[in-house]
C-alpha atoms as a PDB file:
ATOM      1  CA  MET A   1      -0.493  -8.296  88.977  1.00  0.00           C
ATOM      2  CA  SER A   2      -2.824 -11.053  89.007  1.00  0.00           C
ATOM      3  CA  ALA A   3      -1.859 -14.737  88.613  1.00  0.00           C
ATOM      4  CA  ILE A   4      -2.602 -16.379  85.468  1.00  0.00           C
ATOM      5  CA  ASP A   5      -5.114 -19.454  85.482  1.00  0.00           C
ATOM      6  CA  PRO A   6      -3.106 -22.152  83.881  1.00  0.00           C
ATOM      7  CA  ILE A   7      -6.139 -24.036  82.706  1.00  0.00           C
ATOM      8  CA  THR A   8      -7.771 -20.759  81.392  1.00  0.00           C
ATOM      9  CA  SER A   9      -4.394 -19.724  79.635  1.00  0.00           C
ATOM     10  CA  GLN A  10      -4.350 -23.066  77.761  1.00  0.00           C
ATOM     11  CA  SER A  11      -7.733 -23.672  77.135  1.00  0.00           C
ATOM     12  CA  THR A  12      -7.551 -22.738  73.442  1.00  0.00           C
ATOM     13  CA  ASP A  13      -4.753 -24.940  72.987  1.00  0.00           C
ATOM     14  CA  ILE A  14      -6.195 -28.207  74.491  1.00  0.00           C
ATOM     15  CA  PRO A  15      -8.464 -29.216  71.786  1.00  0.00           C
ATOM     16  CA  VAL A  16      -6.071 -28.477  68.994  1.00  0.00           C
ATOM     17  CA  TRP A  17      -3.456 -30.588  70.937  1.00  0.00           C
ATOM     18  CA  ILE A  18      -6.079 -33.442  71.185  1.00  0.00           C
ATOM     19  CA  SER A  19      -7.121 -33.267  67.581  1.00  0.00           C
ATOM     20  CA  ALA A  20      -3.446 -33.608  66.887  1.00  0.00           C
ATOM     21  CA  TRP A  21      -3.293 -36.661  69.111  1.00  0.00           C
ATOM     22  CA  PHE A  22      -6.295 -37.966  67.340  1.00  0.00           C
ATOM     23  CA  ASN A  23      -5.139 -37.539  63.918  1.00  0.00           C
ATOM     24  CA  GLY A  24      -1.795 -39.108  64.782  1.00  0.00           C
ATOM     25  CA  LEU A  25      -3.248 -42.299  65.809  1.00  0.00           C
ATOM     26  CA  GLN A  26      -1.974 -45.652  64.139  1.00  0.00           C
ATOM     27  CA  PRO A  27      -4.086 -48.515  62.681  1.00  0.00           C
ATOM     28  CA  LEU A  28      -2.804 -51.845  64.233  1.00  0.00           C
ATOM     29  CA  LEU A  29      -3.364 -55.311  62.561  1.00  0.00           C
ATOM     30  CA  LEU A  30      -5.931 -57.688  63.607  1.00  0.00           C
ATOM     31  CA  THR A  31      -3.704 -60.426  63.416  1.00  0.00           C
ATOM     32  CA  GLU A  32      -1.258 -58.997  65.905  1.00  0.00           C
ATOM     33  CA  VAL A  33      -4.340 -58.684  68.217  1.00  0.00           C
ATOM     34  CA  ILE A  34      -5.884 -62.181  67.763  1.00  0.00           C
ATOM     35  CA  VAL A  35      -3.209 -64.567  68.565  1.00  0.00           C
ATOM     36  CA  ASP A  36      -5.173 -66.647  70.584  1.00  0.00           C
ATOM     37  CA  PRO A  37      -8.817 -66.483  69.371  1.00  0.00           C
ATOM     38  CA  ASP A  38     -10.065 -68.055  72.585  1.00  0.00           C
ATOM     39  CA  ALA A  39      -8.430 -65.127  74.520  1.00  0.00           C
ATOM     40  CA  VAL A  40     -10.287 -62.562  72.488  1.00  0.00           C
ATOM     41  CA  ALA A  41     -14.080 -61.389  72.533  1.00  0.00           C
ATOM     42  CA  LEU A  42     -15.420 -58.223  70.625  1.00  0.00           C
ATOM     43  CA  PHE A  43     -17.867 -56.250  72.393  1.00  0.00           C
ATOM     44  CA  SER A  44     -20.501 -53.762  70.906  1.00  0.00           C
ATOM     45  CA  ALA A  45     -22.397 -50.909  72.228  1.00  0.00           C
ATOM     46  CA  ASP A  46     -25.703 -49.952  71.035  1.00  0.00           C
ATOM     47  CA  MET A  47     -25.506 -51.468  67.218  1.00  0.00           C
ATOM     48  CA  ILE A  48     -29.179 -51.249  67.151  1.00  0.00           C
ATOM     49  CA  VAL A  49     -32.078 -49.982  64.832  1.00  0.00           C
ATOM     50  CA  GLY A  50     -32.763 -47.135  67.351  1.00  0.00           C
ATOM     51  CA  PHE A  51     -29.546 -45.404  66.940  1.00  0.00           C
ATOM     52  CA  CYS A  52     -28.802 -46.428  63.392  1.00  0.00           C
ATOM     53  CA  ASP A  53     -31.993 -46.568  61.357  1.00  0.00           C
ATOM     54  CA  SER A  54     -34.964 -45.191  62.777  1.00  0.00           C
ATOM     55  CA  GLY A  55     -36.320 -43.558  66.015  1.00  0.00           C
ATOM     56  CA  ASN A  56     -35.629 -40.206  68.063  1.00  0.00           C
ATOM     57  CA  LEU A  57     -32.055 -40.980  68.487  1.00  0.00           C
ATOM     58  CA  SER A  58     -31.315 -42.360  65.265  1.00  0.00           C
ATOM     59  CA  SER A  59     -27.923 -40.646  63.442  1.00  0.00           C
ATOM     60  CA  ALA A  60     -26.906 -40.779  60.099  1.00  0.00           C
ATOM     61  CA  ARG A  61     -23.213 -40.258  61.418  1.00  0.00           C
ATOM     62  CA  VAL A  62     -23.827 -43.362  63.778  1.00  0.00           C
ATOM     63  CA  ASP A  63     -25.392 -45.252  60.869  1.00  0.00           C
ATOM     64  CA  ALA A  64     -21.961 -44.962  59.278  1.00  0.00           C
ATOM     65  CA  LEU A  65     -20.597 -47.471  61.631  1.00  0.00           C
ATOM     66  CA  THR A  66     -22.423 -50.071  60.259  1.00  0.00           C
ATOM     67  CA  ALA A  67     -19.965 -51.119  57.527  1.00  0.00           C
ATOM     68  CA  PRO A  68     -16.637 -51.030  59.793  1.00  0.00           C
ATOM     69  CA  VAL A  69     -18.454 -52.969  62.457  1.00  0.00           C
ATOM     70  CA  VAL A  70     -19.820 -55.588  60.646  1.00  0.00           C
ATOM     71  CA  ASP A  71     -16.766 -55.984  58.561  1.00  0.00           C
ATOM     72  CA  LEU A  72     -14.374 -56.198  61.559  1.00  0.00           C
ATOM     73  CA  PHE A  73     -17.122 -58.820  63.163  1.00  0.00           C
ATOM     74  CA  GLN A  74     -16.655 -60.886  60.216  1.00  0.00           C
ATOM     75  CA  ARG A  75     -12.853 -60.777  60.121  1.00  0.00           C
ATOM     76  CA  ALA A  76     -12.599 -61.393  63.461  1.00  0.00           C
ATOM     77  CA  TYR A  77     -14.830 -64.633  63.245  1.00  0.00           C
ATOM     78  CA  ASP A  78     -12.669 -65.690  60.172  1.00  0.00           C
ATOM     79  CA  LEU A  79      -9.425 -65.533  62.538  1.00  0.00           C
ATOM     80  CA  GLY A  80     -11.082 -67.834  65.140  1.00  0.00           C
ATOM     81  CA  VAL A  81     -12.925 -65.453  67.618  1.00  0.00           C
ATOM     82  CA  ARG A  82     -16.282 -67.100  68.718  1.00  0.00           C
ATOM     83  CA  GLU A  83     -17.204 -64.755  71.604  1.00  0.00           C
ATOM     84  CA  PHE A  84     -19.347 -61.528  70.854  1.00  0.00           C
ATOM     85  CA  ALA A  85     -20.937 -59.950  73.341  1.00  0.00           C
ATOM     86  CA  LEU A  86     -23.798 -57.116  72.124  1.00  0.00           C
ATOM     87  CA  LEU A  87     -24.824 -54.651  74.961  1.00  0.00           C
ATOM     88  CA  GLN A  88     -28.114 -53.177  73.755  1.00  0.00           C
ATOM     89  CA  ASP A  89     -30.432 -50.337  75.192  1.00  0.00           C
ATOM     90  CA  THR A  90     -33.600 -52.023  75.936  1.00  0.00           C
ATOM     91  CA  HIS A  91     -35.584 -49.542  77.947  1.00  0.00           C
ATOM     92  CA  ASP A  92     -38.286 -49.644  80.383  1.00  0.00           C
ATOM     93  CA  PRO A  93     -40.996 -47.092  79.632  1.00  0.00           C
ATOM     94  CA  GLY A  94     -40.646 -45.839  83.046  1.00  0.00           C
ATOM     95  CA  THR A  95     -36.660 -45.348  83.092  1.00  0.00           C
ATOM     96  CA  PRO A  96     -35.403 -42.090  84.495  1.00  0.00           C
ATOM     97  CA  GLU A  97     -33.299 -41.709  81.460  1.00  0.00           C
ATOM     98  CA  PHE A  98     -36.213 -40.367  79.423  1.00  0.00           C
ATOM     99  CA  ASP A  99     -36.101 -37.318  81.695  1.00  0.00           C
ATOM    100  CA  ALA A 100     -32.669 -36.559  80.007  1.00  0.00           C
ATOM    101  CA  TRP A 101     -33.165 -38.226  76.479  1.00  0.00           C
ATOM    102  CA  PRO A 102     -36.113 -38.641  74.307  1.00  0.00           C
ATOM    103  CA  VAL A 103     -38.158 -41.967  74.430  1.00  0.00           C
ATOM    104  CA  HIS A 104     -35.747 -44.518  72.341  1.00  0.00           C
ATOM    105  CA  CYS A 105     -35.220 -48.255  72.269  1.00  0.00           C
ATOM    106  CA  LEU A 106     -38.294 -49.356  74.233  1.00  0.00           C
ATOM    107  CA  ARG A 107     -38.352 -52.750  75.213  1.00  0.00           C
ATOM    108  CA  GLY A 108     -40.309 -55.072  72.811  1.00  0.00           C
ATOM    109  CA  THR A 109     -39.659 -52.486  69.774  1.00  0.00           C
ATOM    110  CA  VAL A 110     -37.927 -52.853  66.709  1.00  0.00           C
ATOM    111  CA  GLU A 111     -35.612 -49.937  67.884  1.00  0.00           C
ATOM    112  CA  SER A 112     -34.169 -52.152  70.572  1.00  0.00           C
ATOM    113  CA  GLU A 113     -33.190 -54.744  68.073  1.00  0.00           C
ATOM    114  CA  MET A 114     -29.589 -55.318  66.540  1.00  0.00           C
ATOM    115  CA  ILE A 115     -29.161 -53.657  63.248  1.00  0.00           C
ATOM    116  CA  PRO A 116     -30.244 -56.174  60.249  1.00  0.00           C
ATOM    117  CA  GLU A 117     -26.624 -56.262  59.255  1.00  0.00           C
ATOM    118  CA  LEU A 118     -25.233 -57.696  61.897  1.00  0.00           C
ATOM    119  CA  ALA A 119     -28.191 -60.046  62.758  1.00  0.00           C
ATOM    120  CA  ALA A 120     -27.640 -61.411  59.056  1.00  0.00           C
ATOM    121  CA  LEU A 121     -24.245 -62.756  59.640  1.00  0.00           C
ATOM    122  CA  PRO A 122     -23.851 -66.436  59.425  1.00  0.00           C
ATOM    123  CA  PHE A 123     -22.446 -66.664  62.901  1.00  0.00           C
ATOM    124  CA  ARG A 124     -25.232 -65.029  64.772  1.00  0.00           C
ATOM    125  CA  ASP A 125     -25.829 -67.601  66.773  1.00  0.00           C
ATOM    126  CA  ARG A 126     -22.351 -67.053  68.591  1.00  0.00           C
ATOM    127  CA  PHE A 127     -23.712 -63.737  69.752  1.00  0.00           C
ATOM    128  CA  THR A 128     -24.661 -62.885  73.291  1.00  0.00           C
ATOM    129  CA  VAL A 129     -27.392 -60.020  73.326  1.00  0.00           C
ATOM    130  CA  ILE A 130     -27.145 -58.489  77.005  1.00  0.00           C
ATOM    131  CA  PRO A 131     -30.051 -55.705  77.531  1.00  0.00           C
ATOM    132  CA  LYS A 132     -29.277 -52.730  79.512  1.00  0.00           C
ATOM    133  CA  ASN A 133     -31.633 -50.141  80.773  1.00  0.00           C
ATOM    134  CA  SER A 134     -29.146 -47.292  81.279  1.00  0.00           C
ATOM    135  CA  LEU A 135     -25.672 -46.305  79.977  1.00  0.00           C
ATOM    136  CA  GLY A 136     -23.752 -48.425  82.149  1.00  0.00           C
ATOM    137  CA  PRO A 137     -23.714 -52.002  80.931  1.00  0.00           C
ATOM    138  CA  GLY A 138     -23.140 -53.317  84.433  1.00  0.00           C
ATOM    139  CA  TYR A 139     -25.817 -52.154  86.566  1.00  0.00           C
ATOM    140  CA  ALA A 140     -28.790 -54.429  86.818  1.00  0.00           C
ATOM    141  CA  THR A 141     -27.577 -56.347  84.041  1.00  0.00           C
ATOM    142  CA  THR A 142     -26.073 -60.004  83.535  1.00  0.00           C
ATOM    143  CA  PHE A 143     -22.744 -58.426  81.907  1.00  0.00           C
ATOM    144  CA  ASP A 144     -20.722 -59.140  84.851  1.00  0.00           C
ATOM    145  CA  ASP A 145     -21.939 -62.866  84.984  1.00  0.00           C
ATOM    146  CA  TRP A 146     -21.197 -63.419  81.504  1.00  0.00           C
ATOM    147  CA  LEU A 147     -17.528 -61.758  82.069  1.00  0.00           C
ATOM    148  CA  ASP A 148     -17.151 -64.208  85.038  1.00  0.00           C
ATOM    149  CA  ALA A 149     -18.341 -67.248  82.816  1.00  0.00           C
ATOM    150  CA  HIS A 150     -15.788 -66.117  80.196  1.00  0.00           C
ATOM    151  CA  SER A 151     -12.754 -65.531  82.681  1.00  0.00           C
ATOM    152  CA  GLY A 152     -10.261 -66.814  79.770  1.00  0.00           C
ATOM    153  CA  ILE A 153     -10.625 -63.665  77.730  1.00  0.00           C
ATOM    154  CA  THR A 154      -7.656 -61.379  78.246  1.00  0.00           C
ATOM    155  CA  THR A 155      -8.259 -59.151  75.134  1.00  0.00           C
ATOM    156  CA  ALA A 156     -11.583 -57.026  74.475  1.00  0.00           C
ATOM    157  CA  ILE A 157     -12.077 -55.295  71.511  1.00  0.00           C
ATOM    158  CA  VAL A 158     -14.887 -52.316  71.761  1.00  0.00           C
ATOM    159  CA  VAL A 159     -17.022 -50.887  68.948  1.00  0.00           C
ATOM    160  CA  GLY A 160     -20.156 -49.116  68.736  1.00  0.00           C
ATOM    161  CA  ASP A 161     -21.981 -45.947  69.687  1.00  0.00           C
ATOM    162  CA  CYS A 162     -21.768 -43.378  71.081  1.00  0.00           C
ATOM    163  CA  THR A 163     -18.173 -42.923  71.839  1.00  0.00           C
ATOM    164  CA  ASP A 164     -18.779 -40.273  75.015  1.00  0.00           C
ATOM    165  CA  LEU A 165     -21.605 -42.441  76.231  1.00  0.00           C
ATOM    166  CA  CYS A 166     -22.646 -45.923  76.135  1.00  0.00           C
ATOM    167  CA  THR A 167     -19.114 -46.851  74.406  1.00  0.00           C
ATOM    168  CA  TYR A 168     -17.446 -44.945  76.885  1.00  0.00           C
ATOM    169  CA  ASN A 169     -19.085 -46.569  79.913  1.00  0.00           C
ATOM    170  CA  LEU A 170     -18.262 -50.263  78.319  1.00  0.00           C
ATOM    171  CA  ALA A 171     -14.656 -49.918  77.732  1.00  0.00           C
ATOM    172  CA  MET A 172     -14.287 -48.272  80.979  1.00  0.00           C
ATOM    173  CA  HIS A 173     -16.213 -50.973  82.751  1.00  0.00           C
ATOM    174  CA  LEU A 174     -14.010 -53.335  81.238  1.00  0.00           C
ATOM    175  CA  ARG A 175     -10.675 -51.456  82.295  1.00  0.00           C
ATOM    176  CA  LEU A 176     -11.697 -50.670  85.853  1.00  0.00           C
ATOM    177  CA  ARG A 177     -13.082 -54.257  86.379  1.00  0.00           C
ATOM    178  CA  ALA A 178      -9.736 -55.488  85.339  1.00  0.00           C
ATOM    179  CA  ASN A 179      -7.838 -52.736  87.331  1.00  0.00           C
ATOM    180  CA  ALA A 180      -9.758 -53.811  90.536  1.00  0.00           C
ATOM    181  CA  ARG A 181      -9.059 -57.447  90.183  1.00  0.00           C
ATOM    182  CA  ASN A 182      -5.408 -56.840  89.469  1.00  0.00           C
ATOM    183  CA  LEU A 183      -5.698 -58.364  85.679  1.00  0.00           C
ATOM    184  CA  ARG A 184      -2.469 -57.193  84.334  1.00  0.00           C
ATOM    185  CA  GLU A 185      -2.743 -59.248  81.208  1.00  0.00           C
ATOM    186  CA  PHE A 186      -6.005 -57.816  80.307  1.00  0.00           C
ATOM    187  CA  GLN A 187      -6.336 -55.353  77.535  1.00  0.00           C
ATOM    188  CA  VAL A 188      -9.211 -53.408  75.893  1.00  0.00           C
ATOM    189  CA  ILE A 189      -8.734 -52.082  72.506  1.00  0.00           C
ATOM    190  CA  VAL A 190     -10.838 -49.454  71.049  1.00  0.00           C
ATOM    191  CA  PRO A 191     -10.469 -48.923  67.076  1.00  0.00           C
ATOM    192  CA  ALA A 192     -11.545 -45.267  66.444  1.00  0.00           C
ATOM    193  CA  ASN A 193     -13.065 -45.999  62.921  1.00  0.00           C
ATOM    194  CA  ALA A 194     -15.681 -48.443  64.579  1.00  0.00           C
ATOM    195  CA  VAL A 195     -16.862 -46.028  67.278  1.00  0.00           C
ATOM    196  CA  ASP A 196     -18.551 -42.610  66.782  1.00  0.00           C
ATOM    197  CA  THR A 197     -21.158 -40.204  68.253  1.00  0.00           C
ATOM    198  CA  TYR A 198     -23.954 -38.033  67.323  1.00  0.00           C
ATOM    199  CA  ASP A 199     -23.586 -34.099  66.326  1.00  0.00           C
ATOM    200  CA  LEU A 200     -25.716 -31.403  67.389  1.00  0.00           C
ATOM    201  CA  PRO A 201     -23.760 -28.386  66.273  1.00  0.00           C
ATOM    202  CA  VAL A 202     -23.718 -25.186  68.873  1.00  0.00           C
ATOM    203  CA  THR A 203     -25.329 -23.227  66.268  1.00  0.00           C
ATOM    204  CA  GLY A 204     -28.642 -24.733  65.259  1.00  0.00           C
ATOM    205  CA  ALA A 205     -29.436 -26.642  68.478  1.00  0.00           C
ATOM    206  CA  PRO A 206     -33.318 -26.563  69.108  1.00  0.00           C
ATOM    207  CA  GLU A 207     -34.014 -24.048  72.024  1.00  0.00           C
ATOM    208  CA  GLY A 208     -33.791 -25.632  75.391  1.00  0.00           C
ATOM    209  CA  VAL A 209     -31.562 -28.551  73.871  1.00  0.00           C
ATOM    210  CA  LEU A 210     -28.045 -28.805  74.841  1.00  0.00           C
ATOM    211  CA  PRO A 211     -25.467 -28.811  71.748  1.00  0.00           C
ATOM    212  CA  HIS A 212     -23.292 -31.745  71.252  1.00  0.00           C
ATOM    213  CA  PRO A 213     -20.514 -31.238  68.850  1.00  0.00           C
ATOM    214  CA  GLY A 214     -19.800 -34.889  67.836  1.00  0.00           C
ATOM    215  CA  ASP A 215     -16.010 -34.299  66.520  1.00  0.00           C
ATOM    216  CA  PHE A 216     -15.163 -32.602  69.729  1.00  0.00           C
ATOM    217  CA  PHE A 217     -16.710 -35.457  72.176  1.00  0.00           C
ATOM    218  CA  HIS A 218     -15.351 -38.225  69.877  1.00  0.00           C
ATOM    219  CA  GLN A 219     -11.984 -37.040  70.211  1.00  0.00           C
ATOM    220  CA  VAL A 220     -12.156 -36.074  73.737  1.00  0.00           C
ATOM    221  CA  PHE A 221     -13.539 -39.215  75.149  1.00  0.00           C
ATOM    222  CA  LEU A 222     -11.216 -41.524  73.066  1.00  0.00           C
ATOM    223  CA  TYR A 223      -8.310 -39.387  74.521  1.00  0.00           C
ATOM    224  CA  HIS A 224      -9.822 -40.148  77.928  1.00  0.00           C
ATOM    225  CA  MET A 225     -10.192 -43.705  77.356  1.00  0.00           C
ATOM    226  CA  ALA A 226      -6.189 -43.836  76.431  1.00  0.00           C
ATOM    227  CA  LEU A 227      -5.594 -41.772  79.490  1.00  0.00           C
ATOM    228  CA  ASN A 228      -6.968 -44.681  81.526  1.00  0.00           C
ATOM    229  CA  GLY A 229      -5.048 -47.259  80.105  1.00  0.00           C
ATOM    230  CA  ILE A 230      -7.371 -48.508  77.054  1.00  0.00           C
ATOM    231  CA  ARG A 231      -5.475 -48.786  73.832  1.00  0.00           C
ATOM    232  CA  VAL A 232      -7.059 -46.381  71.186  1.00  0.00           C
ATOM    233  CA  VAL A 233      -5.801 -47.247  67.702  1.00  0.00           C
ATOM    234  CA  GLN A 234      -6.849 -45.598  64.313  1.00  0.00           C
ATOM    235  CA  ALA A 235      -8.262 -48.944  62.908  1.00  0.00           C
ATOM    236  CA  LEU A 236      -7.666 -52.826  63.154  1.00  0.00           C
ATOM    237  CA  THR A 237      -6.766 -53.619  59.705  1.00  0.00           C
END
């Protein structure tokens, strides 16, 4: 009798289990997070025109993040938060990333600009925009310099798109950087209602294009963030 592979035998149950975990996420009061506003910063990944409004990688699903993200920015500001770091794709035309993805968010184009709804906030002058040329926020950017200059921040709230791509890399960069420096008081919080990813179903994907089931990757990568010590909540209410 051949041995049973435990991974294969459980594989059909794993997505169901992760979905149950996701559906069981609870909200957290924003006032419980922002006790000391000077110790809190809000970070966003790619809330820009090229993913929300127009362009080869724009998505209605991602655009739906606009309302909860803008609302969270406003409420955080109202509670005294003054540090907002916006990591934004600002691609060089020669980036090798375009071998994997269609051309998007080129430097100097409207696609690389923050969405108008964020730009219209009256505290726009508090935003620090950090351009990036890859999925990783810390490669050839000023992000770590900014973090070093704001060492008093011990709570990072992360929002944006895509859950499994730039948002994941942003949240993990913050978590792993704190781990490497033994910063035990540092916490990363991701509200699930303020992050999302695009959907390209298995059935209907263009020939030669890899499918991307949005709900599956959204839930799996949120779970993987939680597995790494990031606090994932349903929403910050």
